[in-house]
Amino acid sequence: MLKHISAEVAIIGSGTAGLAAWRAARAHHKHVIMIENGPYGTTCARVGCMPSKLLIAAADSAHQVRQAPGFGIYPGELVIDGHAVMSRLKAERDRFVGFVLDSVASIADEHKIVGHARFQDEHTLLVDDHTRIEAKTVVIATGSRPVYPDDWRRLGDRLLINDDVFEWDRLPSSVAVFGPGVIGLELGQALHRLGVRVWMFGMGGKTGPFTDPRVMACAEHHLQQEFFLDADAEVQRMERNGEQVDIDFCNAEGVTEGITVDYVIAATGRQPNVDRLDLESLNIKRDDRGVPVVDPCTMQTSVAHIFVAGDASNLLPLLHEASDQGRIAGDNAGRYPEVRAGLRHSTLSVVFTAPQIAMVGNSFAELERRYGDGGFAIGQASFEDQGRSRVMRRNQGLLRLYGEPGSGLFLGAEMTAPDAEHLAHLLAWAHQSRMTVAQMLTMPFYHPVVEEGLRTALRDLHTSLRQGAAMGDPCMECGVGS
């Protein structure tokens, strides 16, 4: 028998965005319903940010042991216990998931419904075959899922997505990673440093999230010193062979090479989970992927009382972005029909490779579209001879900063650098504060620290701003970009 419920706000999804939307909407109404079709616990805690950083932390520890002889320290034989590595990862992962579950448990049962929600009309949701919800406003926070070519399914259990890696009891001996994006790079380098043989393949020549070709080339150069990485691979054959996978590909010399790996890891992208919501029953504007188009300031769709947040919005698939979007969507759903632009932070993204990768503010590609080729100023610094970086034997990377001629405003940055996460935070604060490059140069810099590399790049950018927009010099560290 169908149960009927009326709600002021219905939230589809209980991940990072859904929980943020719940808290914001509850500040306005008591009758808020949250619908979840899968296990409780966010992508970040279960299969994203936290377990991947646990794997990377173990990998970094092993790498530091290998690097010790460079300091005149000889620690003896390095032994990596894959079972112990994965046991710690899963134990700590479960602890983080537990915090999320505690948060969900604090929500009264009458405000939670388990099942798959789909739209019957603009104000009506059907949850499986057991509940009909009449809602004044709706927040879609259904997250995303990994995608890969359908014909790869023939590999059976030899094909994995990043979620599966964190369920391993032991580390395999070899893997092929497809997709040198954020997820692929983090997993690939971490597994390599933990003793797994790694081959990484991409399409189209793109490595990481970069849009600045010089920074991307520098990052690719350093990563290729550690493990096989072909960002524009020609894979000729991939077939299952018992409990392994055979792969034939064309190497850099144009010769066909064959490898056999234990697993293929698909890190080829993610798809917003909106295709099973029956959006066809709504007169809602969607993009070419079928995802509702949203106002990034309000998270409102073309159907005024429906909002989208988190990975489902197809904007920026990052936890802090999902939290911000959820808060804005939930607040506007709760206060509807009054809708307000929410606080959106400056764009900040970090990839935890070594050297780390980060992007802040406007990207190189965005600025090219806005100002045209050469219409903005660029300053840069290599970390090859940067003092503190050489002290730590982590002297790799390139930082490129962008500024606006005339106003002198700092516009954005792309970088691969030691401790880029800290540089990126400083730059994000400066960007959100709308600081000029001249103002940034009045800030204190200690010695000796990696941040002195930032000061070098700011000085270079300041010179470019005074002389007119310039594209910067080639990366002298790795010889790319010339």
Protein backbone atom coordinates (compact mmCIF):
# COMPACT_ATOMS: atom_id res chain seq x y z
CA MET A 1 0.00 0.00 0.00
CA LEU A 2 1.36 3.39 -1.01
CA LYS A 3 2.21 5.72 1.85
CA HIS A 4 1.59 9.44 1.32
CA ILE A 5 3.83 12.11 2.88
CA SER A 6 3.83 15.89 2.62
CA ALA A 7 7.08 17.79 3.09
CA GLU A 8 8.29 21.33 2.84
CA VAL A 9 11.66 20.14 1.43
CA ALA A 10 12.63 16.75 0.00
CA ILE A 11 16.35 16.02 -0.36
CA ILE A 12 17.39 13.15 -2.63
CA GLY A 13 20.72 11.83 -1.38
CA SER A 14 22.50 11.78 1.98
CA GLY A 15 26.12 12.39 0.97
CA THR A 16 28.16 15.50 1.68
CA ALA A 17 25.85 17.76 -0.33
CA GLY A 18 22.67 16.10 0.96
CA LEU A 19 23.67 16.40 4.60
CA ALA A 20 24.66 20.04 4.15
CA ALA A 21 21.33 20.70 2.43
CA TRP A 22 19.50 18.94 5.28
CA ARG A 23 21.09 21.13 7.94
CA ALA A 24 20.40 24.33 5.97
CA ALA A 25 16.79 23.43 5.14
CA ARG A 26 16.03 22.40 8.74
CA ALA A 27 16.89 25.93 9.85
CA HIS A 28 13.69 27.00 8.03
CA HIS A 29 11.29 24.04 8.34
CA LYS A 30 10.57 21.02 10.50
CA HIS A 31 9.10 18.95 7.66
CA VAL A 32 12.26 18.06 5.73
CA ILE A 33 12.64 14.57 4.25
CA MET A 34 15.91 12.94 3.19
CA ILE A 35 15.80 10.01 0.74
CA GLU A 36 18.70 7.56 0.29
CA ASN A 37 18.91 4.62 -2.08
CA GLY A 38 22.31 3.26 -1.05
CA PRO A 39 24.43 2.85 2.06
CA TYR A 40 24.76 5.89 4.29
CA GLY A 41 28.18 7.51 4.35
CA THR A 42 29.72 10.01 1.98
CA THR A 43 31.80 9.26 -1.11
CA CYS A 44 34.66 11.12 0.54
CA ALA A 45 34.70 8.93 3.64
CA ARG A 46 33.93 5.59 1.99
CA VAL A 47 35.78 5.54 -1.33
CA GLY A 48 37.20 9.01 -1.98
CA CYS A 49 39.26 11.57 -0.10
CA MET A 50 40.02 9.68 3.09
CA PRO A 51 40.89 6.12 1.97
CA SER A 52 42.94 7.48 -0.94
CA LYS A 53 44.93 9.71 1.43
CA LEU A 54 45.49 6.72 3.73
CA LEU A 55 46.95 4.80 0.79
CA ILE A 56 49.07 7.80 -0.19
CA ALA A 57 50.33 8.24 3.37
CA ALA A 58 51.58 4.64 3.39
CA ALA A 59 53.16 5.15 -0.03
CA ASP A 60 54.88 8.35 1.09
CA SER A 61 56.33 6.54 4.09
CA ALA A 62 57.83 3.85 1.85
CA HIS A 63 59.16 6.50 -0.52
CA GLN A 64 60.88 8.37 2.31
CA VAL A 65 62.72 5.18 3.29
CA ARG A 66 63.93 4.78 -0.30
CA GLN A 67 65.08 8.41 -0.35
CA ALA A 68 67.04 8.15 2.92
CA PRO A 69 70.38 7.16 1.28
CA GLY A 70 70.34 10.52 -0.48
CA PHE A 71 70.84 12.07 2.97
CA GLY A 72 73.55 9.58 3.93
CA ILE A 73 71.12 7.40 5.91
CA TYR A 74 70.93 3.67 5.17
CA PRO A 75 67.91 2.13 6.95
CA GLY A 76 68.29 -1.41 5.62
CA GLU A 77 65.89 -3.55 3.60
CA LEU A 78 62.50 -2.05 2.89
CA VAL A 79 59.64 -4.49 3.52
CA ILE A 80 56.10 -3.54 2.51
CA ASP A 81 53.41 -5.67 4.13
CA GLY A 82 50.46 -5.18 1.79
CA HIS A 83 48.07 -6.86 4.20
CA ALA A 84 49.08 -4.49 7.01
CA VAL A 85 48.81 -1.49 4.68
CA MET A 86 45.26 -2.39 3.67
CA SER A 87 44.23 -3.36 7.20
CA ARG A 88 45.17 0.07 8.53
CA LEU A 89 43.52 1.76 5.55
CA LYS A 90 40.23 -0.04 6.09
CA ALA A 91 40.25 0.44 9.86
CA GLU A 92 40.82 4.18 9.59
CA ARG A 93 38.38 4.43 6.65
CA ASP A 94 35.70 2.75 8.74
CA ARG A 95 36.40 5.20 11.55
CA PHE A 96 35.79 8.16 9.23
CA VAL A 97 32.64 6.53 7.85
CA GLY A 98 31.50 6.03 11.45
CA PHE A 99 31.53 9.78 12.04
CA VAL A 100 29.24 10.26 9.04
CA LEU A 101 26.93 7.48 10.20
CA ASP A 102 26.70 9.13 13.61
CA SER A 103 25.63 12.33 11.89
CA VAL A 104 22.95 10.49 9.91
CA ALA A 105 21.80 8.62 13.03
CA SER A 106 21.13 11.95 14.72
CA ILE A 107 18.37 12.57 12.17
CA ALA A 108 15.05 11.18 13.41
CA ASP A 109 13.75 8.16 11.50
CA GLU A 110 10.58 9.95 10.44
CA HIS A 111 12.74 12.32 8.40
CA LYS A 112 14.56 9.53 6.51
CA ILE A 113 13.24 7.30 3.76
CA VAL A 114 15.17 4.43 2.17
CA GLY A 115 14.60 3.75 -1.50
CA HIS A 116 15.04 4.99 -5.05
CA ALA A 117 13.32 8.32 -5.69
CA ARG A 118 12.04 9.46 -9.06
CA PHE A 119 9.90 12.37 -10.19
CA GLN A 120 6.24 11.80 -11.01
CA ASP A 121 5.74 15.49 -11.59
CA GLU A 122 7.37 18.73 -10.49
CA HIS A 123 6.18 18.43 -6.89
CA THR A 124 5.75 14.67 -6.53
CA LEU A 125 8.36 11.99 -5.84
CA LEU A 126 7.80 8.24 -5.87
CA VAL A 127 10.14 6.21 -3.66
CA ASP A 128 10.24 2.64 -4.97
CA ASP A 129 6.69 1.38 -4.76
CA HIS A 130 6.07 2.26 -1.13
CA THR A 131 5.98 6.06 -0.70
CA ARG A 132 4.67 9.12 -2.52
CA ILE A 133 6.06 12.47 -1.35
CA GLU A 134 4.42 15.79 -2.11
CA ALA A 135 7.15 18.41 -1.66
CA LYS A 136 7.08 22.18 -2.02
CA THR A 137 10.79 22.18 -2.94
CA VAL A 138 13.31 19.49 -3.90
CA VAL A 139 17.09 19.27 -3.66
CA ILE A 140 18.81 16.73 -5.94
CA ALA A 141 22.05 15.59 -4.28
CA THR A 142 22.46 12.14 -5.80
CA GLY A 143 26.23 12.22 -6.33
CA SER A 144 28.05 10.55 -9.21
CA ARG A 145 29.47 7.18 -10.24
CA PRO A 146 32.50 5.98 -12.22
CA VAL A 147 32.06 5.34 -15.94
CA TYR A 148 34.09 3.34 -18.45
CA PRO A 149 33.52 1.75 -21.89
CA ASP A 150 30.87 -0.97 -21.83
CA ASP A 151 33.05 -3.50 -23.62
CA TRP A 152 35.50 -3.47 -20.72
CA ARG A 153 32.96 -5.47 -18.73
CA ARG A 154 34.27 -8.58 -20.47
CA LEU A 155 37.24 -8.39 -18.10
CA GLY A 156 34.94 -9.42 -15.24
CA ASP A 157 36.46 -9.14 -11.79
CA ARG A 158 39.81 -8.16 -13.29
CA LEU A 159 38.28 -4.74 -14.00
CA LEU A 160 38.09 -2.41 -10.99
CA ILE A 161 37.07 1.14 -10.20
CA ASN A 162 38.74 3.17 -7.46
CA ASP A 163 36.04 2.08 -4.96
CA ASP A 164 37.19 -1.54 -5.33
CA VAL A 165 40.83 -0.80 -4.55
CA PHE A 166 39.98 0.07 -0.97
CA GLU A 167 38.46 -3.36 -0.39
CA TRP A 168 41.66 -5.25 -1.21
CA ASP A 169 43.07 -7.41 1.58
CA ARG A 170 46.51 -7.42 -0.02
CA LEU A 171 48.29 -5.45 -2.71
CA PRO A 172 48.53 -7.00 -6.20
CA SER A 173 51.81 -7.30 -8.06
CA SER A 174 50.76 -5.24 -11.12
CA VAL A 175 47.99 -2.99 -12.44
CA ALA A 176 47.15 -0.97 -15.53
CA VAL A 177 45.46 2.34 -14.72
CA PHE A 178 43.37 3.96 -17.44
CA GLY A 179 42.86 7.67 -16.94
CA PRO A 180 45.69 9.98 -15.77
CA GLY A 181 43.28 12.37 -14.09
CA VAL A 182 43.04 13.20 -10.39
CA ILE A 183 41.96 9.73 -9.23
CA GLY A 184 44.22 7.81 -11.60
CA LEU A 185 47.34 9.80 -10.76
CA GLU A 186 46.85 9.54 -7.00
CA LEU A 187 46.17 5.81 -7.07
CA GLY A 188 48.81 5.02 -9.68
CA GLN A 189 51.68 6.78 -7.96
CA ALA A 190 50.68 5.47 -4.52
CA LEU A 191 50.52 1.87 -5.74
CA HIS A 192 53.85 2.26 -7.52
CA ARG A 193 55.51 3.50 -4.33
CA LEU A 194 54.03 0.55 -2.46
CA GLY A 195 55.79 -1.86 -4.79
CA VAL A 196 53.05 -2.51 -7.35
CA ARG A 197 54.13 -2.39 -11.01
CA VAL A 198 52.04 0.34 -12.64
CA TRP A 199 51.33 1.22 -16.26
CA MET A 200 49.16 4.30 -16.81
CA PHE A 201 47.36 5.03 -20.07
CA GLY A 202 45.43 8.11 -21.19
CA MET A 203 43.75 9.49 -24.28
CA GLY A 204 44.19 12.89 -25.87
CA GLY A 205 47.47 13.74 -24.17
CA LYS A 206 46.01 15.33 -21.04
CA THR A 207 47.59 14.69 -17.63
CA GLY A 208 45.88 15.79 -14.42
CA PRO A 209 43.40 18.68 -14.18
CA PHE A 210 45.75 21.23 -15.78
CA THR A 211 44.79 23.69 -18.49
CA ASP A 212 48.22 25.39 -18.55
CA PRO A 213 50.25 23.29 -21.01
CA ARG A 214 53.61 24.18 -19.48
CA VAL A 215 52.67 23.14 -15.96
CA MET A 216 51.02 19.99 -17.30
CA ALA A 217 54.15 19.07 -19.27
CA CYS A 218 56.33 19.64 -16.21
CA ALA A 219 54.12 17.42 -14.03
CA GLU A 220 54.02 14.70 -16.67
CA HIS A 221 57.81 14.82 -16.97
CA HIS A 222 58.32 14.20 -13.26
CA LEU A 223 55.67 11.49 -12.99
CA GLN A 224 57.21 9.64 -15.92
CA GLN A 225 60.46 9.40 -13.95
CA GLU A 226 58.67 7.09 -11.50
CA PHE A 227 56.35 4.88 -13.54
CA PHE A 228 55.14 4.28 -17.08
CA LEU A 229 52.76 7.06 -18.15
CA ASP A 230 51.50 7.59 -21.68
CA ALA A 231 48.85 10.31 -21.72
CA ASP A 232 48.00 9.64 -25.37
CA ALA A 233 48.26 5.87 -25.53
CA GLU A 234 47.48 3.61 -28.46
CA VAL A 235 46.16 0.44 -26.84
CA GLN A 236 45.76 -2.26 -29.46
CA ARG A 237 44.40 -5.16 -27.44
CA MET A 238 43.11 -5.82 -23.93
CA GLU A 239 41.91 -9.33 -23.11
CA ARG A 240 41.41 -11.40 -20.01
CA ASN A 241 43.84 -14.28 -19.61
CA GLY A 242 42.78 -16.43 -16.67
CA GLU A 243 43.22 -14.34 -13.51
CA GLN A 244 45.14 -11.64 -15.35
CA VAL A 245 44.75 -9.24 -18.28
CA ASP A 246 46.94 -9.07 -21.39
CA ILE A 247 47.44 -5.62 -22.92
CA ASP A 248 49.20 -4.73 -26.16
CA PHE A 249 50.09 -1.10 -26.81
CA CYS A 250 52.29 0.99 -29.06
CA ASN A 251 55.23 2.43 -27.10
CA ALA A 252 57.04 5.75 -27.64
CA GLU A 253 59.27 4.19 -30.30
CA GLY A 254 56.23 3.05 -32.28
CA VAL A 255 56.84 -0.60 -31.39
CA THR A 256 54.08 -2.85 -30.09
CA GLU A 257 54.72 -3.88 -26.50
CA GLY A 258 52.82 -6.46 -24.46
CA ILE A 259 52.22 -6.54 -20.70
CA THR A 260 50.25 -8.77 -18.35
CA VAL A 261 48.68 -7.29 -15.21
CA ASP A 262 46.62 -8.54 -12.31
CA TYR A 263 43.98 -5.81 -12.61
CA VAL A 264 42.80 -2.99 -14.85
CA ILE A 265 41.71 0.07 -12.86
CA ALA A 266 39.25 2.31 -14.69
CA ALA A 267 39.71 5.95 -13.65
CA THR A 268 38.16 7.28 -16.84
CA GLY A 269 35.67 9.75 -15.37
CA ARG A 270 32.46 10.02 -13.38
CA GLN A 271 28.84 10.53 -14.35
CA PRO A 272 26.24 12.49 -12.32
CA ASN A 273 23.56 10.18 -10.91
CA VAL A 274 20.56 11.91 -12.47
CA ASP A 275 19.65 9.45 -15.23
CA ARG A 276 17.25 7.42 -13.08
CA LEU A 277 15.26 10.34 -11.63
CA ASP A 278 12.74 10.40 -14.51
CA LEU A 279 13.66 13.98 -15.30
CA GLU A 280 11.82 13.49 -18.59
CA SER A 281 8.59 14.06 -16.64
CA LEU A 282 9.73 17.61 -15.88
CA ASN A 283 10.05 20.64 -18.12
CA ILE A 284 13.59 21.21 -16.87
CA LYS A 285 16.53 22.56 -18.87
CA ARG A 286 19.38 20.04 -19.16
CA ASP A 287 22.85 20.07 -20.70
CA ASP A 288 24.10 17.69 -23.39
CA ARG A 289 24.78 15.03 -20.71
CA GLY A 290 21.22 15.19 -19.42
CA VAL A 291 22.23 17.01 -16.24
CA PRO A 292 19.98 19.85 -15.04
CA VAL A 293 21.51 23.27 -15.71
CA VAL A 294 21.93 25.21 -12.46
CA ASP A 295 22.72 28.75 -11.40
CA PRO A 296 26.07 28.30 -9.57
CA CYS A 297 25.22 31.16 -7.20
CA THR A 298 21.84 29.79 -6.07
CA MET A 299 21.95 26.12 -7.24
CA GLN A 300 18.48 26.72 -8.72
CA THR A 301 17.36 24.96 -11.91
CA SER A 302 14.99 26.20 -14.60
CA VAL A 303 12.18 24.72 -12.46
CA ALA A 304 12.33 27.35 -9.76
CA HIS A 305 11.61 25.12 -6.74
CA ILE A 306 14.10 22.37 -7.73
CA PHE A 307 17.77 22.72 -6.77
CA VAL A 308 20.83 20.56 -7.48
CA ALA A 309 23.99 20.24 -5.36
CA GLY A 310 27.23 18.27 -5.16
CA ASP A 311 28.55 15.92 -7.83
CA ALA A 312 25.06 15.72 -9.35
CA SER A 313 25.41 19.35 -10.43
CA ASN A 314 28.33 18.48 -12.75
CA LEU A 315 30.21 21.61 -11.63
CA LEU A 316 33.24 20.81 -9.43
CA PRO A 317 33.38 17.27 -7.93
CA LEU A 318 35.16 18.28 -4.71
CA LEU A 319 34.04 17.77 -1.11
CA HIS A 320 34.24 21.42 -0.07
CA GLU A 321 32.35 22.39 -3.22
CA ALA A 322 29.67 19.78 -2.48
CA SER A 323 29.32 21.11 1.06
CA ASP A 324 29.02 24.71 -0.15
CA GLN A 325 26.55 23.79 -2.87
CA GLY A 326 24.48 21.71 -0.45
CA ARG A 327 24.34 24.54 2.05
CA ILE A 328 23.24 27.02 -0.62
CA ALA A 329 20.69 24.65 -2.18
CA GLY A 330 19.22 23.65 1.19
CA ASP A 331 19.00 27.25 2.38
CA ASN A 332 17.24 28.37 -0.80
CA ALA A 333 14.92 25.35 -0.81
CA GLY A 334 14.03 26.17 2.79
CA ARG A 335 13.41 29.87 2.22
CA TYR A 336 11.71 29.48 -1.20
CA PRO A 337 10.26 31.47 -2.98
CA GLU A 338 12.87 33.91 -1.67
CA VAL A 339 16.15 32.81 -3.23
CA ARG A 340 19.54 34.28 -2.42
CA ALA A 341 22.98 33.97 -3.92
CA GLY A 342 25.13 32.00 -1.52
CA LEU A 343 28.76 32.52 -0.60
CA ARG A 344 30.92 30.71 -3.14
CA HIS A 345 34.58 30.40 -2.32
CA SER A 346 37.40 30.89 -4.77
CA THR A 347 38.10 27.71 -6.70
CA LEU A 348 40.68 25.55 -4.94
CA SER A 349 41.67 22.03 -5.94
CA VAL A 350 44.59 19.83 -4.87
CA VAL A 351 45.88 16.51 -6.18
CA PHE A 352 48.00 14.60 -3.66
CA THR A 353 50.66 13.31 -5.98
CA ALA A 354 54.36 14.07 -5.47
CA PRO A 355 55.04 16.76 -6.38
CA GLN A 356 51.53 17.85 -5.53
CA ILE A 357 49.24 19.45 -8.08
CA ALA A 358 47.01 22.44 -7.36
CA MET A 359 44.81 24.98 -9.13
CA VAL A 360 43.46 28.21 -7.68
CA GLY A 361 41.02 30.82 -8.94
CA ASN A 362 40.72 31.19 -12.69
CA SER A 363 42.45 28.57 -14.80
CA PHE A 364 44.78 29.30 -17.70
CA ALA A 365 42.07 28.18 -20.16
CA GLU A 366 39.40 30.38 -18.56
CA LEU A 367 41.69 33.40 -18.78
CA GLU A 368 42.52 32.69 -22.40
CA ARG A 369 38.80 32.67 -23.18
CA ARG A 370 38.26 35.89 -21.25
CA TYR A 371 41.32 37.93 -22.27
CA GLY A 372 42.51 36.21 -25.43
CA ASP A 373 45.95 34.85 -26.13
CA GLY A 374 48.54 37.00 -24.32
CA GLY A 375 45.93 39.30 -22.79
CA PHE A 376 46.90 38.55 -19.20
CA ALA A 377 50.21 38.56 -17.38
CA ILE A 378 52.05 35.45 -16.19
CA GLY A 379 54.77 34.99 -13.58
CA GLN A 380 56.45 31.73 -12.75
CA ALA A 381 58.99 29.98 -10.57
CA SER A 382 60.75 26.65 -10.90
CA PHE A 383 61.42 24.64 -7.76
CA GLU A 384 64.59 23.00 -9.10
CA ASP A 385 66.86 25.46 -7.29
CA GLN A 386 64.41 26.69 -4.64
CA GLY A 387 66.32 26.57 -1.35
CA ARG A 388 64.05 24.68 1.04
CA SER A 389 62.95 22.29 -1.72
CA ARG A 390 66.58 21.32 -2.40
CA VAL A 391 67.21 20.90 1.33
CA MET A 392 64.42 18.31 1.44
CA ARG A 393 65.45 16.70 -1.89
CA ARG A 394 61.99 17.50 -3.23
CA ASN A 395 63.10 20.13 -5.71
CA GLN A 396 60.68 19.47 -8.53
CA GLY A 397 57.88 21.49 -10.03
CA LEU A 398 56.69 24.68 -11.68
CA LEU A 399 54.36 27.41 -10.39
CA ARG A 400 52.57 29.74 -12.80
CA LEU A 401 50.60 32.77 -11.54
CA TYR A 402 48.19 34.91 -13.57
CA GLY A 403 47.44 38.63 -13.16
CA GLU A 404 45.27 41.27 -14.77
CA PRO A 405 47.09 44.12 -16.52
CA GLY A 406 45.93 47.52 -15.40
CA SER A 407 44.28 46.54 -12.12
CA GLY A 408 47.14 44.28 -11.03
CA LEU A 409 44.62 41.80 -9.59
CA PHE A 410 45.77 38.26 -8.89
CA LEU A 411 43.60 36.05 -11.10
CA GLY A 412 44.66 32.45 -10.52
CA ALA A 413 47.39 29.83 -10.52
CA GLU A 414 48.29 26.35 -11.71
CA MET A 415 51.18 24.45 -10.18
CA THR A 416 52.98 21.23 -9.52
CA ALA A 417 55.17 21.75 -6.48
CA PRO A 418 56.31 20.36 -3.12
CA ASP A 419 53.63 21.08 -0.52
CA ALA A 420 51.42 22.69 -3.16
CA GLU A 421 48.43 22.24 -0.84
CA HIS A 422 49.83 25.00 1.41
CA LEU A 423 50.79 27.31 -1.43
CA ALA A 424 47.31 26.84 -2.91
CA HIS A 425 45.58 27.82 0.33
CA LEU A 426 47.58 31.04 0.58
CA LEU A 427 46.75 31.87 -3.01
CA ALA A 428 43.05 31.00 -2.60
CA TRP A 429 42.80 33.37 0.35
CA ALA A 430 44.49 36.11 -1.69
CA HIS A 431 42.19 35.44 -4.66
CA GLN A 432 39.02 35.50 -2.57
CA SER A 433 40.20 38.71 -0.92
CA ARG A 434 40.72 40.23 -4.39
CA MET A 435 44.29 41.16 -3.60
CA THR A 436 46.59 42.73 -6.13
CA VAL A 437 49.98 41.23 -6.84
CA ALA A 438 51.61 44.29 -5.28
CA GLN A 439 49.62 43.74 -2.07
CA MET A 440 50.58 40.07 -1.99
CA LEU A 441 54.24 41.04 -2.17
CA THR A 442 53.86 43.10 1.02
CA MET A 443 52.97 39.94 2.97
CA PRO A 444 55.67 38.30 5.16
CA PHE A 445 57.76 35.40 3.88
CA TYR A 446 59.90 33.39 6.25
CA HIS A 447 63.28 31.87 5.37
CA PRO A 448 63.96 29.13 4.44
CA VAL A 449 60.53 27.88 3.34
CA VAL A 450 58.96 26.54 0.15
CA GLU A 451 56.75 29.64 0.10
CA GLU A 452 59.77 31.66 -1.02
CA GLY A 453 59.16 30.05 -4.41
CA LEU A 454 55.78 31.75 -4.37
CA ARG A 455 57.46 35.09 -3.71
CA THR A 456 59.75 34.49 -6.70
CA ALA A 457 56.73 33.85 -8.94
CA LEU A 458 54.94 36.94 -7.57
CA ARG A 459 57.97 39.11 -8.33
CA ASP A 460 58.08 37.70 -11.85
CA LEU A 461 54.36 38.38 -12.27
CA HIS A 462 54.74 41.90 -10.89
CA THR A 463 57.43 42.59 -13.49
CA SER A 464 55.21 41.20 -16.25
CA LEU A 465 52.32 43.41 -15.13
CA ARG A 466 54.52 46.52 -15.32
CA GLN A 467 55.88 45.55 -18.73
CA GLY A 468 52.58 44.37 -20.17
CA ALA A 469 51.09 40.89 -20.50
CA ALA A 470 53.66 38.16 -21.12
CA MET A 471 53.51 34.44 -21.51
CA GLY A 472 56.51 33.65 -19.29
CA ASP A 473 59.66 31.76 -20.08
CA PRO A 474 59.95 28.02 -20.72
CA CYS A 475 60.30 25.74 -17.73
CA MET A 476 64.08 25.64 -17.26
CA GLU A 477 63.86 22.71 -14.87
CA CYS A 478 62.59 20.06 -17.23
CA GLY A 479 63.06 21.76 -20.61
CA VAL A 480 59.38 21.72 -21.53
CA GLY A 481 57.26 24.53 -22.86
CA SER A 482 59.99 26.05 -25.01
